[in-house]
Amino acid sequence: MTDPVPHRTENCLKISQVLSRIGDKWSVLIIMSLRSRTMRFSELKRGIDGISQRMLTLTLRNLERDGLVTRTVTPSIPPRVDYELTPMGHSLAEPVEALGTWAFQHIDRIAGAQARYDSEEL
């Protein structure tokens, strides 16, 4: 069986960069928060425990730059800013949710394996 895409170092580097961005914890939490509806910045901040305003801003900008999130500014006082997933962002939410489900289903087994490994290391 042959690989559908030839293995090239430059492809691996590009894929690694994409996976780093979409795999960081804040991106995952933002994507999962936006999968069901559009949200304002303040709603996202309240809904994601532990994220700073600066980190939320940076992560949203990066997701917007990557084409996963759109930002809509409605002129009002104060201006209203809404965030939503793009079609590509929605297509990413499904595998992200599947990974989260897998992790939840295996968390106890992983913890057990880590404990066994750590006890053998001593």
PDB file of N, CA and C in Angstrom:
ATOM      1  N   MET A   1       0.853  -1.182   0.000  1.00  0.00           N
ATOM      2  CA  MET A   1       0.000   0.000   0.000  1.00  0.00           C
ATOM      3  C   MET A   1       0.895   1.239   0.000  1.00  0.00           C
ATOM      4  N   THR A   2       0.621   2.198  -0.841  1.00  0.00           N
ATOM      5  CA  THR A   2       1.437   3.401  -0.928  1.00  0.00           C
ATOM      6  C   THR A   2       0.764   4.554  -0.207  1.00  0.00           C
ATOM      7  N   ASP A   3       1.590   5.474   0.248  1.00  0.00           N
ATOM      8  CA  ASP A   3       1.073   6.673   0.900  1.00  0.00           C
ATOM      9  C   ASP A   3       0.388   7.553  -0.139  1.00  0.00           C
ATOM     10  N   PRO A   4      -0.781   8.143   0.207  1.00  0.00           N
ATOM     11  CA  PRO A   4      -1.456   9.029  -0.747  1.00  0.00           C
ATOM     12  C   PRO A   4      -0.684  10.319  -1.000  1.00  0.00           C
ATOM     13  N   VAL A   5       0.090  10.764  -0.026  1.00  0.00           N
ATOM     14  CA  VAL A   5       0.893  11.974  -0.172  1.00  0.00           C
ATOM     15  C   VAL A   5       2.348  11.593   0.065  1.00  0.00           C
ATOM     16  N   PRO A   6       3.219  11.920  -0.894  1.00  0.00           N
ATOM     17  CA  PRO A   6       4.627  11.559  -0.700  1.00  0.00           C
ATOM     18  C   PRO A   6       5.192  12.202   0.563  1.00  0.00           C
ATOM     19  N   HIS A   7       6.015  11.438   1.274  1.00  0.00           N
ATOM     20  CA  HIS A   7       6.633  11.948   2.499  1.00  0.00           C
ATOM     21  C   HIS A   7       7.750  12.919   2.126  1.00  0.00           C
ATOM     22  N   ARG A   8       7.558  14.172   2.507  1.00  0.00           N
ATOM     23  CA  ARG A   8       8.562  15.206   2.271  1.00  0.00           C
ATOM     24  C   ARG A   8       8.710  16.011   3.546  1.00  0.00           C
ATOM     25  N   THR A   9       9.931  16.360   3.864  1.00  0.00           N
ATOM     26  CA  THR A   9      10.202  17.100   5.094  1.00  0.00           C
ATOM     27  C   THR A   9       9.410  18.398   5.144  1.00  0.00           C
ATOM     28  N   GLU A  10       9.314  19.127   4.035  1.00  0.00           N
ATOM     29  CA  GLU A  10       8.597  20.402   4.055  1.00  0.00           C
ATOM     30  C   GLU A  10       7.108  20.198   4.342  1.00  0.00           C
ATOM     31  N   ASN A  11       6.525  19.084   3.868  1.00  0.00           N
ATOM     32  CA  ASN A  11       5.124  18.793   4.180  1.00  0.00           C
ATOM     33  C   ASN A  11       4.961  18.495   5.667  1.00  0.00           C
ATOM     34  N   CYS A  12       5.889  17.722   6.219  1.00  0.00           N
ATOM     35  CA  CYS A  12       5.828  17.387   7.648  1.00  0.00           C
ATOM     36  C   CYS A  12       5.914  18.647   8.505  1.00  0.00           C
ATOM     37  N   LEU A  13       6.771  19.579   8.118  1.00  0.00           N
ATOM     38  CA  LEU A  13       6.899  20.823   8.880  1.00  0.00           C
ATOM     39  C   LEU A  13       5.613  21.633   8.832  1.00  0.00           C
ATOM     40  N   LYS A  14       4.995  21.714   7.654  1.00  0.00           N
ATOM     41  CA  LYS A  14       3.738  22.463   7.525  1.00  0.00           C
ATOM     42  C   LYS A  14       2.633  21.818   8.361  1.00  0.00           C
ATOM     43  N   ILE A  15       2.525  20.497   8.275  1.00  0.00           N
ATOM     44  CA  ILE A  15       1.501  19.783   9.039  1.00  0.00           C
ATOM     45  C   ILE A  15       1.750  19.944  10.533  1.00  0.00           C
ATOM     46  N   SER A  16       3.010  19.883  10.938  1.00  0.00           N
ATOM     47  CA  SER A  16       3.363  20.049  12.345  1.00  0.00           C
ATOM     48  C   SER A  16       2.925  21.415  12.862  1.00  0.00           C
ATOM     49  N   GLN A  17       3.112  22.449  12.053  1.00  0.00           N
ATOM     50  CA  GLN A  17       2.697  23.791  12.452  1.00  0.00           C
ATOM     51  C   GLN A  17       1.182  23.865  12.616  1.00  0.00           C
ATOM     52  N   VAL A  18       0.446  23.269  11.689  1.00  0.00           N
ATOM     53  CA  VAL A  18      -1.019  23.273  11.771  1.00  0.00           C
ATOM     54  C   VAL A  18      -1.472  22.514  13.007  1.00  0.00           C
ATOM     55  N   LEU A  19      -0.904  21.328  13.236  1.00  0.00           N
ATOM     56  CA  LEU A  19      -1.308  20.525  14.390  1.00  0.00           C
ATOM     57  C   LEU A  19      -0.962  21.219  15.707  1.00  0.00           C
ATOM     58  N   SER A  20       0.156  21.933  15.736  1.00  0.00           N
ATOM     59  CA  SER A  20       0.512  22.688  16.946  1.00  0.00           C
ATOM     60  C   SER A  20      -0.529  23.748  17.250  1.00  0.00           C
ATOM     61  N   ARG A  21      -0.975  24.429  16.229  1.00  0.00           N
ATOM     62  CA  ARG A  21      -1.949  25.506  16.417  1.00  0.00           C
ATOM     63  C   ARG A  21      -3.296  24.933  16.865  1.00  0.00           C
ATOM     64  N   ILE A  22      -3.806  23.967  16.133  1.00  0.00           N
ATOM     65  CA  ILE A  22      -5.149  23.479  16.444  1.00  0.00           C
ATOM     66  C   ILE A  22      -5.162  22.525  17.627  1.00  0.00           C
ATOM     67  N   GLY A  23      -3.991  22.052  18.043  1.00  0.00           N
ATOM     68  CA  GLY A  23      -3.928  21.106  19.143  1.00  0.00           C
ATOM     69  C   GLY A  23      -3.652  21.738  20.492  1.00  0.00           C
ATOM     70  N   ASP A  24      -3.382  23.040  20.523  1.00  0.00           N
ATOM     71  CA  ASP A  24      -3.122  23.639  21.840  1.00  0.00           C
ATOM     72  C   ASP A  24      -4.435  23.739  22.616  1.00  0.00           C
ATOM     73  N   LYS A  25      -4.324  23.726  23.939  1.00  0.00           N
ATOM     74  CA  LYS A  25      -5.533  23.607  24.759  1.00  0.00           C
ATOM     75  C   LYS A  25      -6.512  24.756  24.569  1.00  0.00           C
ATOM     76  N   TRP A  26      -6.025  25.963  24.354  1.00  0.00           N
ATOM     77  CA  TRP A  26      -6.955  27.090  24.218  1.00  0.00           C
ATOM     78  C   TRP A  26      -7.705  27.007  22.896  1.00  0.00           C
ATOM     79  N   SER A  27      -7.018  26.641  21.824  1.00  0.00           N
ATOM     80  CA  SER A  27      -7.696  26.505  20.529  1.00  0.00           C
ATOM     81  C   SER A  27      -8.776  25.440  20.598  1.00  0.00           C
ATOM     82  N   VAL A  28      -8.445  24.310  21.205  1.00  0.00           N
ATOM     83  CA  VAL A  28      -9.419  23.219  21.338  1.00  0.00           C
ATOM     84  C   VAL A  28     -10.647  23.703  22.112  1.00  0.00           C
ATOM     85  N   LEU A  29     -10.429  24.390  23.222  1.00  0.00           N
ATOM     86  CA  LEU A  29     -11.557  24.858  24.041  1.00  0.00           C
ATOM     87  C   LEU A  29     -12.396  25.905  23.308  1.00  0.00           C
ATOM     88  N   ILE A  30     -11.749  26.769  22.552  1.00  0.00           N
ATOM     89  CA  ILE A  30     -12.488  27.781  21.779  1.00  0.00           C
ATOM     90  C   ILE A  30     -13.299  27.110  20.673  1.00  0.00           C
ATOM     91  N   ILE A  31     -12.687  26.196  19.955  1.00  0.00           N
ATOM     92  CA  ILE A  31     -13.395  25.489  18.882  1.00  0.00           C
ATOM     93  C   ILE A  31     -14.601  24.747  19.434  1.00  0.00           C
ATOM     94  N   MET A  32     -14.422  24.072  20.559  1.00  0.00           N
ATOM     95  CA  MET A  32     -15.542  23.337  21.140  1.00  0.00           C
ATOM     96  C   MET A  32     -16.626  24.288  21.667  1.00  0.00           C
ATOM     97  N   SER A  33     -16.234  25.439  22.156  1.00  0.00           N
ATOM     98  CA  SER A  33     -17.219  26.424  22.635  1.00  0.00           C
ATOM     99  C   SER A  33     -18.055  26.984  21.493  1.00  0.00           C
ATOM    100  N   LEU A  34     -17.426  27.171  20.330  1.00  0.00           N
ATOM    101  CA  LEU A  34     -18.104  27.797  19.199  1.00  0.00           C
ATOM    102  C   LEU A  34     -18.821  26.801  18.286  1.00  0.00           C
ATOM    103  N   ARG A  35     -18.715  25.511  18.573  1.00  0.00           N
ATOM    104  CA  ARG A  35     -19.271  24.528  17.643  1.00  0.00           C
ATOM    105  C   ARG A  35     -20.788  24.598  17.527  1.00  0.00           C
ATOM    106  N   SER A  36     -21.461  25.091  18.566  1.00  0.00           N
ATOM    107  CA  SER A  36     -22.928  25.090  18.507  1.00  0.00           C
ATOM    108  C   SER A  36     -23.540  26.466  18.210  1.00  0.00           C
ATOM    109  N   ARG A  37     -22.741  27.532  18.428  1.00  0.00           N
ATOM    110  CA  ARG A  37     -23.330  28.861  18.180  1.00  0.00           C
ATOM    111  C   ARG A  37     -22.250  29.945  18.154  1.00  0.00           C
ATOM    112  N   THR A  38     -22.653  31.099  17.646  1.00  0.00           N
ATOM    113  CA  THR A  38     -21.830  32.305  17.662  1.00  0.00           C
ATOM    114  C   THR A  38     -21.768  32.817  19.099  1.00  0.00           C
ATOM    115  N   MET A  39     -20.592  33.346  19.467  1.00  0.00           N
ATOM    116  CA  MET A  39     -20.437  33.869  20.827  1.00  0.00           C
ATOM    117  C   MET A  39     -19.683  35.194  20.807  1.00  0.00           C
ATOM    118  N   ARG A  40     -19.968  36.006  21.803  1.00  0.00           N
ATOM    119  CA  ARG A  40     -19.225  37.244  22.003  1.00  0.00           C
ATOM    120  C   ARG A  40     -17.955  36.927  22.776  1.00  0.00           C
ATOM    121  N   PHE A  41     -16.999  37.852  22.706  1.00  0.00           N
ATOM    122  CA  PHE A  41     -15.716  37.680  23.393  1.00  0.00           C
ATOM    123  C   PHE A  41     -15.932  37.407  24.880  1.00  0.00           C
ATOM    124  N   SER A  42     -16.780  38.213  25.513  1.00  0.00           N
ATOM    125  CA  SER A  42     -16.997  38.074  26.959  1.00  0.00           C
ATOM    126  C   SER A  42     -17.620  36.716  27.307  1.00  0.00           C
ATOM    127  N   GLU A  43     -18.484  36.193  26.437  1.00  0.00           N
ATOM    128  CA  GLU A  43     -19.067  34.866  26.674  1.00  0.00           C
ATOM    129  C   GLU A  43     -17.990  33.787  26.619  1.00  0.00           C
ATOM    130  N   LEU A  44     -17.112  33.899  25.632  1.00  0.00           N
ATOM    131  CA  LEU A  44     -16.013  32.936  25.523  1.00  0.00           C
ATOM    132  C   LEU A  44     -15.130  33.003  26.763  1.00  0.00           C
ATOM    133  N   LYS A  45     -14.800  34.211  27.184  1.00  0.00           N
ATOM    134  CA  LYS A  45     -13.924  34.382  28.353  1.00  0.00           C
ATOM    135  C   LYS A  45     -14.544  33.758  29.598  1.00  0.00           C
ATOM    136  N   ARG A  46     -15.827  33.999  29.811  1.00  0.00           N
ATOM    137  CA  ARG A  46     -16.514  33.424  30.974  1.00  0.00           C
ATOM    138  C   ARG A  46     -16.605  31.901  30.883  1.00  0.00           C
ATOM    139  N   GLY A  47     -16.740  31.392  29.683  1.00  0.00           N
ATOM    140  CA  GLY A  47     -16.951  29.964  29.501  1.00  0.00           C
ATOM    141  C   GLY A  47     -15.692  29.113  29.489  1.00  0.00           C
ATOM    142  N   ILE A  48     -14.532  29.750  29.370  1.00  0.00           N
ATOM    143  CA  ILE A  48     -13.266  29.003  29.304  1.00  0.00           C
ATOM    144  C   ILE A  48     -12.469  29.321  30.560  1.00  0.00           C
ATOM    145  N   ASP A  49     -12.530  28.422  31.497  1.00  0.00           N
ATOM    146  CA  ASP A  49     -11.898  28.608  32.793  1.00  0.00           C
ATOM    147  C   ASP A  49     -10.386  28.763  32.664  1.00  0.00           C
ATOM    148  N   GLY A  50      -9.857  29.830  33.228  1.00  0.00           N
ATOM    149  CA  GLY A  50      -8.416  30.017  33.305  1.00  0.00           C
ATOM    150  C   GLY A  50      -7.773  30.762  32.153  1.00  0.00           C
ATOM    151  N   ILE A  51      -8.521  31.078  31.110  1.00  0.00           N
ATOM    152  CA  ILE A  51      -7.916  31.786  29.980  1.00  0.00           C
ATOM    153  C   ILE A  51      -7.871  33.283  30.290  1.00  0.00           C
ATOM    154  N   SER A  52      -6.726  33.885  30.005  1.00  0.00           N
ATOM    155  CA  SER A  52      -6.601  35.329  30.208  1.00  0.00           C
ATOM    156  C   SER A  52      -7.177  36.060  28.995  1.00  0.00           C
ATOM    157  N   GLN A  53      -7.470  37.321  29.185  1.00  0.00           N
ATOM    158  CA  GLN A  53      -7.982  38.131  28.078  1.00  0.00           C
ATOM    159  C   GLN A  53      -6.975  38.160  26.936  1.00  0.00           C
ATOM    160  N   ARG A  54      -5.710  38.320  27.288  1.00  0.00           N
ATOM    161  CA  ARG A  54      -4.655  38.365  26.263  1.00  0.00           C
ATOM    162  C   ARG A  54      -4.554  37.053  25.490  1.00  0.00           C
ATOM    163  N   MET A  55      -4.600  35.917  26.198  1.00  0.00           N
ATOM    164  CA  MET A  55      -4.485  34.623  25.531  1.00  0.00           C
ATOM    165  C   MET A  55      -5.700  34.350  24.657  1.00  0.00           C
ATOM    166  N   LEU A  56      -6.888  34.745  25.124  1.00  0.00           N
ATOM    167  CA  LEU A  56      -8.089  34.580  24.311  1.00  0.00           C
ATOM    168  C   LEU A  56      -7.979  35.411  23.042  1.00  0.00           C
ATOM    169  N   THR A  57      -7.533  36.650  23.177  1.00  0.00           N
ATOM    170  CA  THR A  57      -7.366  37.521  22.016  1.00  0.00           C
ATOM    171  C   THR A  57      -6.380  36.918  21.027  1.00  0.00           C
ATOM    172  N   LEU A  58      -5.210  36.490  21.510  1.00  0.00           N
ATOM    173  CA  LEU A  58      -4.188  35.924  20.625  1.00  0.00           C
ATOM    174  C   LEU A  58      -4.672  34.651  19.934  1.00  0.00           C
ATOM    175  N   THR A  59      -5.334  33.798  20.688  1.00  0.00           N
ATOM    176  CA  THR A  59      -5.798  32.538  20.112  1.00  0.00           C
ATOM    177  C   THR A  59      -6.886  32.783  19.080  1.00  0.00           C
ATOM    178  N   LEU A  60      -7.820  33.683  19.364  1.00  0.00           N
ATOM    179  CA  LEU A  60      -8.855  34.007  18.390  1.00  0.00           C
ATOM    180  C   LEU A  60      -8.251  34.607  17.119  1.00  0.00           C
ATOM    181  N   ARG A  61      -7.265  35.470  17.260  1.00  0.00           N
ATOM    182  CA  ARG A  61      -6.599  36.044  16.076  1.00  0.00           C
ATOM    183  C   ARG A  61      -5.945  34.960  15.230  1.00  0.00           C
ATOM    184  N   ASN A  62      -5.260  34.023  15.900  1.00  0.00           N
ATOM    185  CA  ASN A  62      -4.610  32.938  15.170  1.00  0.00           C
ATOM    186  C   ASN A  62      -5.627  32.041  14.472  1.00  0.00           C
ATOM    187  N   LEU A  63      -6.722  31.727  15.146  1.00  0.00           N
ATOM    188  CA  LEU A  63      -7.759  30.903  14.533  1.00  0.00           C
ATOM    189  C   LEU A  63      -8.423  31.628  13.367  1.00  0.00           C
ATOM    190  N   GLU A  64      -8.573  32.936  13.498  1.00  0.00           N
ATOM    191  CA  GLU A  64      -9.117  33.740  12.403  1.00  0.00           C
ATOM    192  C   GLU A  64      -8.140  33.751  11.229  1.00  0.00           C
ATOM    193  N   ARG A  65      -6.873  33.938  11.516  1.00  0.00           N
ATOM    194  CA  ARG A  65      -5.836  33.947  10.478  1.00  0.00           C
ATOM    195  C   ARG A  65      -5.792  32.624   9.725  1.00  0.00           C
ATOM    196  N   ASP A  66      -6.008  31.522  10.452  1.00  0.00           N
ATOM    197  CA  ASP A  66      -5.983  30.192   9.844  1.00  0.00           C
ATOM    198  C   ASP A  66      -7.282  29.846   9.121  1.00  0.00           C
ATOM    199  N   GLY A  67      -8.271  30.729   9.184  1.00  0.00           N
ATOM    200  CA  GLY A  67      -9.523  30.490   8.476  1.00  0.00           C
ATOM    201  C   GLY A  67     -10.505  29.600   9.212  1.00  0.00           C
ATOM    202  N   LEU A  68     -10.326  29.447  10.524  1.00  0.00           N
ATOM    203  CA  LEU A  68     -11.193  28.572  11.309  1.00  0.00           C
ATOM    204  C   LEU A  68     -12.304  29.329  12.030  1.00  0.00           C
ATOM    205  N   VAL A  69     -12.087  30.634  12.247  1.00  0.00           N
ATOM    206  CA  VAL A  69     -13.038  31.473  12.984  1.00  0.00           C
ATOM    207  C   VAL A  69     -13.229  32.764  12.206  1.00  0.00           C
ATOM    208  N   THR A  70     -14.444  33.272  12.213  1.00  0.00           N
ATOM    209  CA  THR A  70     -14.686  34.610  11.666  1.00  0.00           C
ATOM    210  C   THR A  70     -15.060  35.540  12.814  1.00  0.00           C
ATOM    211  N   ARG A  71     -14.697  36.787  12.632  1.00  0.00           N
ATOM    212  CA  ARG A  71     -14.950  37.840  13.619  1.00  0.00           C
ATOM    213  C   ARG A  71     -15.838  38.871  12.940  1.00  0.00           C
ATOM    214  N   THR A  72     -16.978  39.162  13.564  1.00  0.00           N
ATOM    215  CA  THR A  72     -17.909  40.137  12.997  1.00  0.00           C
ATOM    216  C   THR A  72     -18.092  41.266  13.994  1.00  0.00           C
ATOM    217  N   VAL A  73     -17.800  42.495  13.540  1.00  0.00           N
ATOM    218  CA  VAL A  73     -17.960  43.678  14.384  1.00  0.00           C
ATOM    219  C   VAL A  73     -19.245  44.381  13.969  1.00  0.00           C
ATOM    220  N   THR A  74     -20.135  44.584  14.936  1.00  0.00           N
ATOM    221  CA  THR A  74     -21.375  45.321  14.711  1.00  0.00           C
ATOM    222  C   THR A  74     -21.202  46.698  15.326  1.00  0.00           C
ATOM    223  N   PRO A  75     -21.309  47.753  14.491  1.00  0.00           N
ATOM    224  CA  PRO A  75     -21.116  49.094  15.044  1.00  0.00           C
ATOM    225  C   PRO A  75     -22.239  49.464  16.021  1.00  0.00           C
ATOM    226  N   SER A  76     -21.852  49.629  17.233  1.00  0.00           N
ATOM    227  CA  SER A  76     -22.760  50.068  18.292  1.00  0.00           C
ATOM    228  C   SER A  76     -21.884  50.663  19.383  1.00  0.00           C
ATOM    229  N   ILE A  77     -22.487  51.120  20.452  1.00  0.00           N
ATOM    230  CA  ILE A  77     -21.702  51.658  21.558  1.00  0.00           C
ATOM    231  C   ILE A  77     -22.022  50.835  22.789  1.00  0.00           C
ATOM    232  N   PRO A  78     -21.090  50.056  23.318  1.00  0.00           N
ATOM    233  CA  PRO A  78     -19.783  49.744  22.719  1.00  0.00           C
ATOM    234  C   PRO A  78     -19.960  48.801  21.532  1.00  0.00           C
ATOM    235  N   PRO A  79     -18.915  48.699  20.682  1.00  0.00           N
ATOM    236  CA  PRO A  79     -19.034  47.818  19.518  1.00  0.00           C
ATOM    237  C   PRO A  79     -19.266  46.368  19.948  1.00  0.00           C
ATOM    238  N   ARG A  80     -20.082  45.687  19.204  1.00  0.00           N
ATOM    239  CA  ARG A  80     -20.357  44.270  19.477  1.00  0.00           C
ATOM    240  C   ARG A  80     -19.469  43.439  18.558  1.00  0.00           C
ATOM    241  N   VAL A  81     -18.750  42.479  19.136  1.00  0.00           N
ATOM    242  CA  VAL A  81     -17.875  41.605  18.363  1.00  0.00           C
ATOM    243  C   VAL A  81     -18.313  40.164  18.600  1.00  0.00           C
ATOM    244  N   ASP A  82     -18.650  39.485  17.510  1.00  0.00           N
ATOM    245  CA  ASP A  82     -19.086  38.094  17.580  1.00  0.00           C
ATOM    246  C   ASP A  82     -18.083  37.202  16.863  1.00  0.00           C
ATOM    247  N   TYR A  83     -17.924  35.995  17.392  1.00  0.00           N
ATOM    248  CA  TYR A  83     -17.026  35.005  16.811  1.00  0.00           C
ATOM    249  C   TYR A  83     -17.830  33.758  16.469  1.00  0.00           C
ATOM    250  N   GLU A  84     -17.516  33.176  15.319  1.00  0.00           N
ATOM    251  CA  GLU A  84     -18.160  31.925  14.940  1.00  0.00           C
ATOM    252  C   GLU A  84     -17.191  31.086  14.122  1.00  0.00           C
ATOM    253  N   LEU A  85     -17.441  29.797  14.108  1.00  0.00           N
ATOM    254  CA  LEU A  85     -16.614  28.902  13.316  1.00  0.00           C
ATOM    255  C   LEU A  85     -16.974  29.048  11.845  1.00  0.00           C
ATOM    256  N   THR A  86     -15.974  28.977  11.000  1.00  0.00           N
ATOM    257  CA  THR A  86     -16.180  28.919   9.558  1.00  0.00           C
ATOM    258  C   THR A  86     -16.563  27.475   9.210  1.00  0.00           C
ATOM    259  N   PRO A  87     -16.962  27.203   7.975  1.00  0.00           N
ATOM    260  CA  PRO A  87     -17.205  25.808   7.587  1.00  0.00           C
ATOM    261  C   PRO A  87     -15.984  24.911   7.857  1.00  0.00           C
ATOM    262  N   MET A  88     -14.783  25.431   7.610  1.00  0.00           N
ATOM    263  CA  MET A  88     -13.586  24.646   7.895  1.00  0.00           C
ATOM    264  C   MET A  88     -13.438  24.430   9.404  1.00  0.00           C
ATOM    265  N   GLY A  89     -13.761  25.434  10.203  1.00  0.00           N
ATOM    266  CA  GLY A  89     -13.712  25.294  11.650  1.00  0.00           C
ATOM    267  C   GLY A  89     -14.699  24.251  12.146  1.00  0.00           C
ATOM    268  N   HIS A  90     -15.908  24.248  11.547  1.00  0.00           N
ATOM    269  CA  HIS A  90     -16.895  23.227  11.913  1.00  0.00           C
ATOM    270  C   HIS A  90     -16.402  21.832  11.539  1.00  0.00           C
ATOM    271  N   SER A  91     -15.707  21.725  10.404  1.00  0.00           N
ATOM    272  CA  SER A  91     -15.199  20.406  10.002  1.00  0.00           C
ATOM    273  C   SER A  91     -14.109  19.929  10.960  1.00  0.00           C
ATOM    274  N   LEU A  92     -13.419  20.849  11.617  1.00  0.00           N
ATOM    275  CA  LEU A  92     -12.396  20.497  12.596  1.00  0.00           C
ATOM    276  C   LEU A  92     -13.013  20.108  13.941  1.00  0.00           C
ATOM    277  N   ALA A  93     -14.163  20.676  14.275  1.00  0.00           N
ATOM    278  CA  ALA A  93     -14.788  20.409  15.574  1.00  0.00           C
ATOM    279  C   ALA A  93     -15.099  18.929  15.766  1.00  0.00           C
ATOM    280  N   GLU A  94     -15.493  18.249  14.706  1.00  0.00           N
ATOM    281  CA  GLU A  94     -15.842  16.823  14.834  1.00  0.00           C
ATOM    282  C   GLU A  94     -14.650  15.959  15.248  1.00  0.00           C
ATOM    283  N   PRO A  95     -13.490  16.034  14.573  1.00  0.00           N
ATOM    284  CA  PRO A  95     -12.355  15.229  15.044  1.00  0.00           C
ATOM    285  C   PRO A  95     -11.818  15.682  16.402  1.00  0.00           C
ATOM    286  N   VAL A  96     -11.902  16.963  16.712  1.00  0.00           N
ATOM    287  CA  VAL A  96     -11.466  17.444  18.030  1.00  0.00           C
ATOM    288  C   VAL A  96     -12.362  16.842  19.109  1.00  0.00           C
ATOM    289  N   GLU A  97     -13.663  16.827  18.852  1.00  0.00           N
ATOM    290  CA  GLU A  97     -14.587  16.231  19.816  1.00  0.00           C
ATOM    291  C   GLU A  97     -14.330  14.733  19.959  1.00  0.00           C
ATOM    292  N   ALA A  98     -14.027  14.063  18.850  1.00  0.00           N
ATOM    293  CA  ALA A  98     -13.725  12.625  18.899  1.00  0.00           C
ATOM    294  C   ALA A  98     -12.477  12.358  19.740  1.00  0.00           C
ATOM    295  N   LEU A  99     -11.456  13.195  19.598  1.00  0.00           N
ATOM    296  CA  LEU A  99     -10.250  13.036  20.415  1.00  0.00           C
ATOM    297  C   LEU A  99     -10.551  13.255  21.895  1.00  0.00           C
ATOM    298  N   GLY A 100     -11.369  14.249  22.187  1.00  0.00           N
ATOM    299  CA  GLY A 100     -11.757  14.497  23.571  1.00  0.00           C
ATOM    300  C   GLY A 100     -12.531  13.330  24.157  1.00  0.00           C
ATOM    301  N   THR A 101     -13.425  12.758  23.379  1.00  0.00           N
ATOM    302  CA  THR A 101     -14.194  11.590  23.819  1.00  0.00           C
ATOM    303  C   THR A 101     -13.263  10.416  24.083  1.00  0.00           C
ATOM    304  N   TRP A 102     -12.326  10.195  23.164  1.00  0.00           N
ATOM    305  CA  TRP A 102     -11.352   9.114  23.336  1.00  0.00           C
ATOM    306  C   TRP A 102     -10.558   9.320  24.632  1.00  0.00           C
ATOM    307  N   ALA A 103     -10.074  10.555  24.855  1.00  0.00           N
ATOM    308  CA  ALA A 103      -9.287  10.848  26.057  1.00  0.00           C
ATOM    309  C   ALA A 103     -10.120  10.599  27.322  1.00  0.00           C
ATOM    310  N   PHE A 104     -11.369  11.030  27.302  1.00  0.00           N
ATOM    311  CA  PHE A 104     -12.242  10.834  28.465  1.00  0.00           C
ATOM    312  C   PHE A 104     -12.462   9.343  28.734  1.00  0.00           C
ATOM    313  N   GLN A 105     -12.653   8.570  27.671  1.00  0.00           N
ATOM    314  CA  GLN A 105     -12.886   7.130  27.824  1.00  0.00           C
ATOM    315  C   GLN A 105     -11.653   6.397  28.350  1.00  0.00           C
ATOM    316  N   HIS A 106     -10.470   6.941  28.102  1.00  0.00           N
ATOM    317  CA  HIS A 106      -9.233   6.252  28.456  1.00  0.00           C
ATOM    318  C   HIS A 106      -8.446   6.907  29.588  1.00  0.00           C
ATOM    319  N   ILE A 107      -8.984   7.944  30.203  1.00  0.00           N
ATOM    320  CA  ILE A 107      -8.234   8.706  31.202  1.00  0.00           C
ATOM    321  C   ILE A 107      -7.774   7.839  32.366  1.00  0.00           C
ATOM    322  N   ASP A 108      -8.620   6.930  32.819  1.00  0.00           N
ATOM    323  CA  ASP A 108      -8.235   6.075  33.945  1.00  0.00           C
ATOM    324  C   ASP A 108      -7.126   5.098  33.545  1.00  0.00           C
ATOM    325  N   ARG A 109      -7.206   4.542  32.357  1.00  0.00           N
ATOM    326  CA  ARG A 109      -6.161   3.625  31.882  1.00  0.00           C
ATOM    327  C   ARG A 109      -4.838   4.365  31.690  1.00  0.00           C
ATOM    328  N   ILE A 110      -4.915   5.581  31.190  1.00  0.00           N
ATOM    329  CA  ILE A 110      -3.699   6.382  31.004  1.00  0.00           C
ATOM    330  C   ILE A 110      -3.076   6.697  32.358  1.00  0.00           C
ATOM    331  N   ALA A 111      -3.909   7.102  33.320  1.00  0.00           N
ATOM    332  CA  ALA A 111      -3.396   7.400  34.667  1.00  0.00           C
ATOM    333  C   ALA A 111      -2.750   6.161  35.283  1.00  0.00           C
ATOM    334  N   GLY A 112      -3.357   5.001  35.095  1.00  0.00           N
ATOM    335  CA  GLY A 112      -2.780   3.756  35.607  1.00  0.00           C
ATOM    336  C   GLY A 112      -1.446   3.434  34.963  1.00  0.00           C
ATOM    337  N   ALA A 113      -1.366   3.610  33.655  1.00  0.00           N
ATOM    338  CA  ALA A 113      -0.108   3.366  32.940  1.00  0.00           C
ATOM    339  C   ALA A 113       0.976   4.329  33.410  1.00  0.00           C
ATOM    340  N   GLN A 114       0.610   5.586  33.629  1.00  0.00           N
ATOM    341  CA  GLN A 114       1.583   6.573  34.108  1.00  0.00           C
ATOM    342  C   GLN A 114       2.079   6.212  35.504  1.00  0.00           C
ATOM    343  N   ALA A 115       1.172   5.777  36.369  1.00  0.00           N
ATOM    344  CA  ALA A 115       1.557   5.400  37.723  1.00  0.00           C
ATOM    345  C   ALA A 115       2.502   4.195  37.698  1.00  0.00           C
ATOM    346  N   ARG A 116       2.200   3.197  36.870  1.00  0.00           N
ATOM    347  CA  ARG A 116       3.085   2.034  36.757  1.00  0.00           C
ATOM    348  C   ARG A 116       4.449   2.432  36.234  1.00  0.00           C
ATOM    349  N   TYR A 117       4.475   3.277  35.216  1.00  0.00           N
ATOM    350  CA  TYR A 117       5.728   3.725  34.630  1.00  0.00           C
ATOM    351  C   TYR A 117       6.558   4.497  35.663  1.00  0.00           C
ATOM    352  N   ASP A 118       5.894   5.428  36.344  1.00  0.00           N
ATOM    353  CA  ASP A 118       6.586   6.257  37.336  1.00  0.00           C
ATOM    354  C   ASP A 118       7.124   5.420  38.490  1.00  0.00           C
ATOM    355  N   SER A 119       6.404   4.390  38.913  1.00  0.00           N
ATOM    356  CA  SER A 119       6.886   3.559  40.021  1.00  0.00           C
ATOM    357  C   SER A 119       8.078   2.699  39.594  1.00  0.00           C
ATOM    358  N   GLU A 120       8.151   2.333  38.325  1.00  0.00           N
ATOM    359  CA  GLU A 120       9.272   1.546  37.810  1.00  0.00           C
ATOM    360  C   GLU A 120      10.518   2.403  37.649  1.00  0.00           C
ATOM    361  N   GLU A 121      10.351   3.683  37.425  1.00  0.00           N
ATOM    362  CA  GLU A 121      11.463   4.600  37.197  1.00  0.00           C
ATOM    363  C   GLU A 121      12.257   4.849  38.474  1.00  0.00           C
ATOM    364  N   LEU A 122      11.625   4.701  39.629  1.00  0.00           N
ATOM    365  CA  LEU A 122      12.280   4.983  40.902  1.00  0.00           C
ATOM    366  C   LEU A 122      13.197   3.879  41.217  1.00  0.00           C
TER     367      LEU A 122
END
